[in-house]
C-alpha atoms as a PDB file:
ATOM      1  CA  MET A   1      76.205 100.520  90.781  1.00  0.00           C
ATOM      2  CA  ALA A   2      76.815 103.178  88.283  1.00  0.00           C
ATOM      3  CA  ASP A   3      79.878 103.259  86.378  1.00  0.00           C
ATOM      4  CA  THR A   4      81.558 106.719  85.482  1.00  0.00           C
ATOM      5  CA  GLY A   5      84.165 105.569  83.112  1.00  0.00           C
ATOM      6  CA  SER A   6      86.526 104.376  86.238  1.00  0.00           C
ATOM      7  CA  ASN A   7      86.307 101.282  88.241  1.00  0.00           C
ATOM      8  CA  GLN A   8      85.269 103.253  91.128  1.00  0.00           C
ATOM      9  CA  PRO A   9      81.698 103.206  92.026  1.00  0.00           C
ATOM     10  CA  ILE A  10      79.849 106.577  92.566  1.00  0.00           C
ATOM     11  CA  MET A  11      78.382 106.246  96.176  1.00  0.00           C
ATOM     12  CA  HIS A  12      76.118 109.718  96.240  1.00  0.00           C
ATOM     13  CA  LEU A  13      74.016 108.083  93.590  1.00  0.00           C
ATOM     14  CA  MET A  14      73.507 105.031  95.342  1.00  0.00           C
ATOM     15  CA  LYS A  15      72.672 106.553  98.831  1.00  0.00           C
ATOM     16  CA  GLY A  16      70.744 109.541  97.301  1.00  0.00           C
ATOM     17  CA  ASN A  17      66.951 109.957  96.563  1.00  0.00           C
ATOM     18  CA  SER A  18      67.409 109.450  92.701  1.00  0.00           C
ATOM     19  CA  PHE A  19      66.622 105.662  92.572  1.00  0.00           C
ATOM     20  CA  ASN A  20      63.695 103.513  94.017  1.00  0.00           C
ATOM     21  CA  GLY A  21      61.500 106.396  94.518  1.00  0.00           C
ATOM     22  CA  GLY A  22      63.793 107.825  96.929  1.00  0.00           C
ATOM     23  CA  GLY A  23      64.419 104.595  98.693  1.00  0.00           C
ATOM     24  CA  GLU A  24      64.081 104.126 102.294  1.00  0.00           C
ATOM     25  CA  ASN A  25      66.267 107.211 103.290  1.00  0.00           C
ATOM     26  CA  MET A  26      63.813 109.501 101.745  1.00  0.00           C
ATOM     27  CA  ASN A  27      62.139 111.857 103.986  1.00  0.00           C
ATOM     28  CA  LYS A  28      58.241 111.605 104.580  1.00  0.00           C
ATOM     29  CA  LYS A  29      57.871 115.205 103.718  1.00  0.00           C
ATOM     30  CA  PHE A  30      58.362 114.767 100.072  1.00  0.00           C
ATOM     31  CA  VAL A  31      56.406 112.782  97.584  1.00  0.00           C
ATOM     32  CA  THR A  32      57.081 111.384  93.997  1.00  0.00           C
ATOM     33  CA  HIS A  33      55.309 113.272  90.998  1.00  0.00           C
ATOM     34  CA  ASP A  34      53.227 110.235  90.690  1.00  0.00           C
ATOM     35  CA  GLU A  35      52.123 110.287  94.445  1.00  0.00           C
ATOM     36  CA  LEU A  36      51.405 113.758  93.980  1.00  0.00           C
ATOM     37  CA  LYS A  37      49.477 113.537  90.866  1.00  0.00           C
ATOM     38  CA  ILE A  38      47.359 110.669  92.759  1.00  0.00           C
ATOM     39  CA  SER A  39      46.610 112.669  95.471  1.00  0.00           C
ATOM     40  CA  GLN A  40      45.680 115.840  93.376  1.00  0.00           C
ATOM     41  CA  LEU A  41      43.101 113.131  91.511  1.00  0.00           C
ATOM     42  CA  GLU A  42      41.789 111.827  94.589  1.00  0.00           C
ATOM     43  CA  THR A  43      41.372 115.373  96.231  1.00  0.00           C
ATOM     44  CA  GLN A  44      39.959 116.419  92.761  1.00  0.00           C
ATOM     45  CA  ASN A  45      37.404 113.480  92.939  1.00  0.00           C
ATOM     46  CA  LYS A  46      36.230 114.290  96.348  1.00  0.00           C
ATOM     47  CA  LEU A  47      35.552 117.796  95.402  1.00  0.00           C
ATOM     48  CA  THR A  48      33.701 116.631  92.722  1.00  0.00           C
ATOM     49  CA  GLN A  49      31.512 114.406  94.515  1.00  0.00           C
ATOM     50  CA  LEU A  50      30.757 117.291  97.369  1.00  0.00           C
ATOM     51  CA  ASP A  51      29.881 119.675  94.652  1.00  0.00           C
ATOM     52  CA  ASN A  52      27.582 117.444  93.285  1.00  0.00           C
ATOM     53  CA  LYS A  53      26.400 116.394  96.362  1.00  0.00           C
ATOM     54  CA  ILE A  54      25.720 120.099  97.258  1.00  0.00           C
ATOM     55  CA  ASP A  55      24.133 120.569  93.976  1.00  0.00           C
ATOM     56  CA  THR A  56      21.797 117.924  94.665  1.00  0.00           C
ATOM     57  CA  LYS A  57      20.815 119.064  98.286  1.00  0.00           C
ATOM     58  CA  PHE A  58      20.241 122.672  96.746  1.00  0.00           C
ATOM     59  CA  SER A  59      17.779 121.150  93.821  1.00  0.00           C
ATOM     60  CA  GLU A  60      16.028 119.436  96.519  1.00  0.00           C
ATOM     61  CA  LEU A  61      15.908 122.476  98.470  1.00  0.00           C
ATOM     62  CA  ASN A  62      14.646 124.713  95.514  1.00  0.00           C
ATOM     63  CA  SER A  63      11.975 121.771  94.786  1.00  0.00           C
ATOM     64  CA  LYS A  64      10.840 121.761  98.345  1.00  0.00           C
ATOM     65  CA  ILE A  65      10.512 125.587  98.189  1.00  0.00           C
ATOM     66  CA  ASP A  66       8.635 125.633  94.832  1.00  0.00           C
ATOM     67  CA  ASN A  67       6.320 123.125  96.305  1.00  0.00           C
ATOM     68  CA  LYS A  68       5.506 125.032  99.679  1.00  0.00           C
ATOM     69  CA  PHE A  69       4.714 128.054  97.263  1.00  0.00           C
ATOM     70  CA  ASN A  70       2.447 126.224  94.948  1.00  0.00           C
ATOM     71  CA  VAL A  71       0.585 124.937  97.784  1.00  0.00           C
ATOM     72  CA  LEU A  72       0.272 128.852  99.261  1.00  0.00           C
ATOM     73  CA  ASP A  73      -0.722 129.839  95.643  1.00  0.00           C
ATOM     74  CA  ASN A  74      -3.186 127.028  95.613  1.00  0.00           C
ATOM     75  CA  LYS A  75      -4.721 128.187  99.217  1.00  0.00           C
ATOM     76  CA  ILE A  76      -4.696 131.675  98.093  1.00  0.00           C
ATOM     77  CA  ASP A  77      -6.649 130.901  94.943  1.00  0.00           C
ATOM     78  CA  ASN A  78      -9.244 128.816  96.480  1.00  0.00           C
ATOM     79  CA  LEU A  79      -9.606 131.387  99.154  1.00  0.00           C
ATOM     80  CA  GLU A  80     -10.287 133.947  96.477  1.00  0.00           C
ATOM     81  CA  LYS A  81     -12.896 131.502  95.214  1.00  0.00           C
ATOM     82  CA  ASN A  82     -14.523 130.700  98.731  1.00  0.00           C
ATOM     83  CA  ILE A  83     -14.416 134.391  99.613  1.00  0.00           C
ATOM     84  CA  PRO A  84     -18.132 135.096  98.137  1.00  0.00           C
ATOM     85  CA  MET A  85     -19.332 131.544  99.808  1.00  0.00           C
ATOM     86  CA  ILE A  86     -17.952 132.708 102.941  1.00  0.00           C
ATOM     87  CA  ILE A  87     -19.649 135.882 103.098  1.00  0.00           C
ATOM     88  CA  GLU A  88     -22.837 134.542 102.093  1.00  0.00           C
ATOM     89  CA  ASN A  89     -22.638 132.077 104.976  1.00  0.00           C
ATOM     90  CA  ALA A  90     -21.895 134.824 107.200  1.00  0.00           C
ATOM     91  CA  LEU A  91     -25.048 136.939 106.084  1.00  0.00           C
ATOM     92  CA  TYR A  92     -26.968 133.858 106.248  1.00  0.00           C
ATOM     93  CA  LYS A  93     -26.225 133.149 110.080  1.00  0.00           C
ATOM     94  CA  GLU A  94     -26.366 136.957 110.584  1.00  0.00           C
ATOM     95  CA  ARG A  95     -30.172 136.729 109.154  1.00  0.00           C
ATOM     96  CA  GLU A  96     -30.942 133.682 111.292  1.00  0.00           C
ATOM     97  CA  TYR A  97     -29.518 135.337 114.226  1.00  0.00           C
ATOM     98  CA  GLN A  98     -31.921 138.337 113.410  1.00  0.00           C
ATOM     99  CA  ARG A  99     -34.965 135.992 112.952  1.00  0.00           C
ATOM    100  CA  ASN A 100     -34.613 134.153 116.109  1.00  0.00           C
ATOM    101  CA  GLN A 101     -34.188 137.846 117.733  1.00  0.00           C
ATOM    102  CA  GLN A 102     -37.328 138.916 116.112  1.00  0.00           C
ATOM    103  CA  LYS A 103     -39.149 135.782 117.273  1.00  0.00           C
ATOM    104  CA  GLU A 104     -38.211 136.079 120.889  1.00  0.00           C
ATOM    105  CA  ASN A 105     -38.817 140.054 120.664  1.00  0.00           C
ATOM    106  CA  ARG A 106     -42.406 139.162 119.588  1.00  0.00           C
ATOM    107  CA  ARG A 107     -42.682 136.377 122.281  1.00  0.00           C
ATOM    108  CA  PHE A 108     -41.710 138.963 125.004  1.00  0.00           C
ATOM    109  CA  PHE A 109     -44.198 141.525 123.694  1.00  0.00           C
ATOM    110  CA  TRP A 110     -47.330 139.223 123.386  1.00  0.00           C
ATOM    111  CA  GLY A 111     -46.129 137.385 126.525  1.00  0.00           C
ATOM    112  CA  THR A 112     -46.001 140.988 128.211  1.00  0.00           C
ATOM    113  CA  ILE A 113     -49.617 141.960 126.727  1.00  0.00           C
ATOM    114  CA  ILE A 114     -50.937 138.709 127.674  1.00  0.00           C
ATOM    115  CA  ILE A 115     -49.866 138.889 131.315  1.00  0.00           C
ATOM    116  CA  GLY A 116     -50.714 142.911 131.479  1.00  0.00           C
ATOM    117  CA  GLY A 117     -54.011 141.778 129.974  1.00  0.00           C
ATOM    118  CA  ILE A 118     -54.588 139.198 132.479  1.00  0.00           C
ATOM    119  CA  SER A 119     -53.456 141.338 135.329  1.00  0.00           C
ATOM    120  CA  ALA A 120     -55.754 143.926 134.184  1.00  0.00           C
ATOM    121  CA  VAL A 121     -58.614 141.521 133.990  1.00  0.00           C
ATOM    122  CA  ALA A 122     -57.876 140.167 137.436  1.00  0.00           C
ATOM    123  CA  ALA A 123     -57.512 143.503 138.759  1.00  0.00           C
ATOM    124  CA  ILE A 124     -61.073 144.577 137.101  1.00  0.00           C
ATOM    125  CA  ILE A 125     -62.509 141.395 138.573  1.00  0.00           C
ATOM    126  CA  SER A 126     -60.989 142.060 141.967  1.00  0.00           C
ATOM    127  CA  ALA A 127     -62.368 145.435 142.059  1.00  0.00           C
ATOM    128  CA  ILE A 128     -65.965 144.565 140.918  1.00  0.00           C
ATOM    129  CA  VAL A 129     -65.966 141.788 143.404  1.00  0.00           C
ATOM    130  CA  SER A 130     -64.595 143.894 146.307  1.00  0.00           C
ATOM    131  CA  PHE A 131     -67.412 146.820 145.654  1.00  0.00           C
ATOM    132  CA  HIS A 132     -70.310 144.405 145.698  1.00  0.00           C
END
């Protein structure tokens, strides 16, 4: 009990929220300065951890994006190097196609000439045979 200089105890000091962290009678809506400071530190720690986690995720995302752009740049560079080869291959294939077409045209031409010649010879022979 607190002493006020008289022999009578001061009851409001014993029943109030001044001793023992507010005692059992303290309302749960209120906290002590130490509890508030601990809660603030815990919240700040959680925010710092979240901030670090977000920074890490953004760094990973930036790294992935940079890697994708590097791959794309390499493909574009390789395409520039390969374009002459691609064009050369296309021209080669076109020349091969034209050569094959010319061969077929020659075969058709000579086939027509030969068949026409054979038909003409057969017609002449049949005309000679039929007139004799």
